[in-house]
Protein backbone atom coordinates (compact mmCIF):
# COMPACT_ATOMS: atom_id res chain seq x y z
CA MET A 1 0.00 0.00 0.00
CA GLY A 2 3.00 2.34 0.37
CA GLY A 3 3.13 3.13 -3.36
CA TYR A 4 -0.55 4.00 -3.32
CA GLU A 5 0.03 6.48 -0.50
CA ALA A 6 2.69 8.23 -2.60
CA ILE A 7 0.18 8.62 -5.40
CA ILE A 8 -2.34 10.14 -3.00
CA GLY A 9 0.30 12.58 -1.82
CA GLU A 10 1.11 13.46 -5.42
CA ILE A 11 -2.57 14.12 -6.19
CA ARG A 12 -2.70 16.47 -3.21
CA ARG A 13 0.51 18.28 -4.22
CA ARG A 14 -0.64 18.75 -7.81
CA GLY A 15 -3.99 20.02 -6.55
CA GLU A 16 -2.23 22.53 -4.32
CA ASP A 17 -0.06 23.58 -7.28
CA ALA A 18 -3.18 24.11 -9.39
CA ILE A 19 -4.71 26.27 -6.64
CA ASP A 20 -1.56 28.42 -6.54
CA VAL A 21 -1.46 28.79 -10.34
CA GLY A 22 -5.16 29.63 -10.47
CA GLU A 23 -4.81 32.29 -7.80
CA ALA A 24 -1.82 33.85 -9.58
CA THR A 25 -3.60 33.78 -12.94
CA ALA A 26 -6.66 35.51 -11.50
CA LYS A 27 -4.46 38.39 -10.27
CA VAL A 28 -2.90 39.24 -13.65
CA GLU A 29 -3.69 42.85 -14.55
CA LEU A 30 -3.50 43.99 -18.14
CA GLY A 31 -4.21 47.69 -17.62
CA GLU A 32 -0.58 48.68 -18.18
CA ALA A 33 -0.47 46.85 -21.51
CA ALA A 34 -3.68 48.54 -22.62
CA GLY A 35 -2.25 51.93 -21.72
CA GLY A 36 0.71 51.12 -23.92
CA ILE A 37 -1.56 50.43 -26.89
CA ALA A 38 -3.18 53.84 -26.60
CA ALA A 39 0.21 55.55 -26.25
CA ALA A 40 1.49 53.74 -29.34
CA MET A 41 -1.30 55.25 -31.46
CA PRO A 42 -1.49 58.94 -30.46
CA GLY A 43 -4.32 60.87 -32.02
CA SER A 44 -6.58 57.85 -32.50
CA ALA A 45 -10.04 58.58 -31.18
CA GLU A 46 -11.02 54.90 -30.89
CA THR A 47 -7.86 53.29 -29.53
CA PRO A 48 -7.97 54.38 -25.86
CA GLY A 49 -11.52 53.14 -25.31
CA GLU A 50 -10.99 49.94 -27.26
CA ALA A 51 -7.73 49.26 -25.47
CA GLU A 52 -9.49 49.65 -22.13
CA GLN A 53 -12.30 47.31 -23.24
CA LEU A 54 -9.75 44.76 -24.41
CA SER A 55 -7.92 44.98 -21.10
CA GLU A 56 -11.13 44.53 -19.11
CA HIS A 57 -12.19 41.60 -21.29
CA TRP A 58 -8.90 39.74 -20.90
CA GLU A 59 -8.71 40.46 -17.18
CA GLY A 60 -12.18 38.90 -16.88
CA VAL A 61 -11.08 35.90 -18.94
CA LEU A 62 -8.01 35.44 -16.72
CA ARG A 63 -10.04 35.81 -13.50
CA ASP A 64 -12.47 33.17 -14.74
CA LEU A 65 -9.66 30.86 -15.84
CA GLY A 66 -7.92 31.35 -12.51
CA ARG A 67 -11.09 30.49 -10.60
CA ARG A 68 -11.61 27.37 -12.70
CA VAL A 69 -8.03 26.17 -12.26
CA SER A 70 -8.22 26.80 -8.50
CA SER A 71 -11.53 24.96 -8.33
CA TYR A 72 -10.00 22.01 -10.16
CA GLY A 73 -7.13 22.07 -7.67
CA ASP A 74 -9.61 22.09 -4.77
CA ASP A 75 -11.31 19.05 -6.30
CA MET A 76 -7.97 17.24 -6.54
CA VAL A 77 -7.13 17.98 -2.91
CA ARG A 78 -10.58 16.77 -1.80
CA ALA A 79 -10.18 13.63 -3.92
CA ALA A 80 -6.84 12.90 -2.24
CA GLU A 81 -8.49 13.33 1.17
CA ARG A 82 -11.29 10.94 0.19
CA TYR A 83 -8.79 8.39 -1.11
CA GLU A 84 -6.97 8.52 2.23
CA GLU A 85 -10.19 8.20 4.21
CA GLU A 86 -11.35 5.22 2.16
CA ASP A 87 -7.94 3.59 1.71
CA GLU A 88 -7.13 3.14 5.39
CA PRO A 89 -10.31 1.13 6.21
CA ALA A 90 -9.73 -0.98 3.09
CA ALA A 91 -6.14 -1.68 4.13
CA GLU A 92 -7.27 -2.57 7.65
CA ASN A 93 -9.91 -4.91 6.24
CA LEU A 94 -7.22 -6.66 4.20
CA ARG A 95 -5.01 -7.00 7.29
CA LEU A 96 -7.90 -8.53 9.25
CA HIS A 97 -8.60 -11.11 6.55
CA THR A 98 -5.03 -12.00 5.63
CA PRO A 99 -4.05 -15.32 7.15
CA GLY A 100 -0.90 -15.22 9.20
CA PRO A 101 1.64 -17.98 9.74
CA GLY A 102 -0.16 -21.10 10.80
CA GLY A 103 -3.54 -19.69 9.69
CA PRO A 104 -5.80 -20.98 6.92
CA VAL A 105 -4.14 -21.68 3.61
């Protein structure tokens, strides 16, 4: 059962990694990049507003993606916890029903 425990630990670690990546992704701000677009096209009446809309759109996309990745990570961590909770009783059941030396063959 030791190898199985390592897999459970790996599921948990990867879930925690996904949570971290999701949180970082959700915090990405694109306002600076949008300001650069407007500055690169001086005199354009449309560019500043469109650049701001683009920035807001992509920030929303990244927030949503970040939430989804974090949620997936949460699911992985919960799955690892469930595996642990269910694995220990199963292992104990096997120990109880495994014949020892001198037991049934």
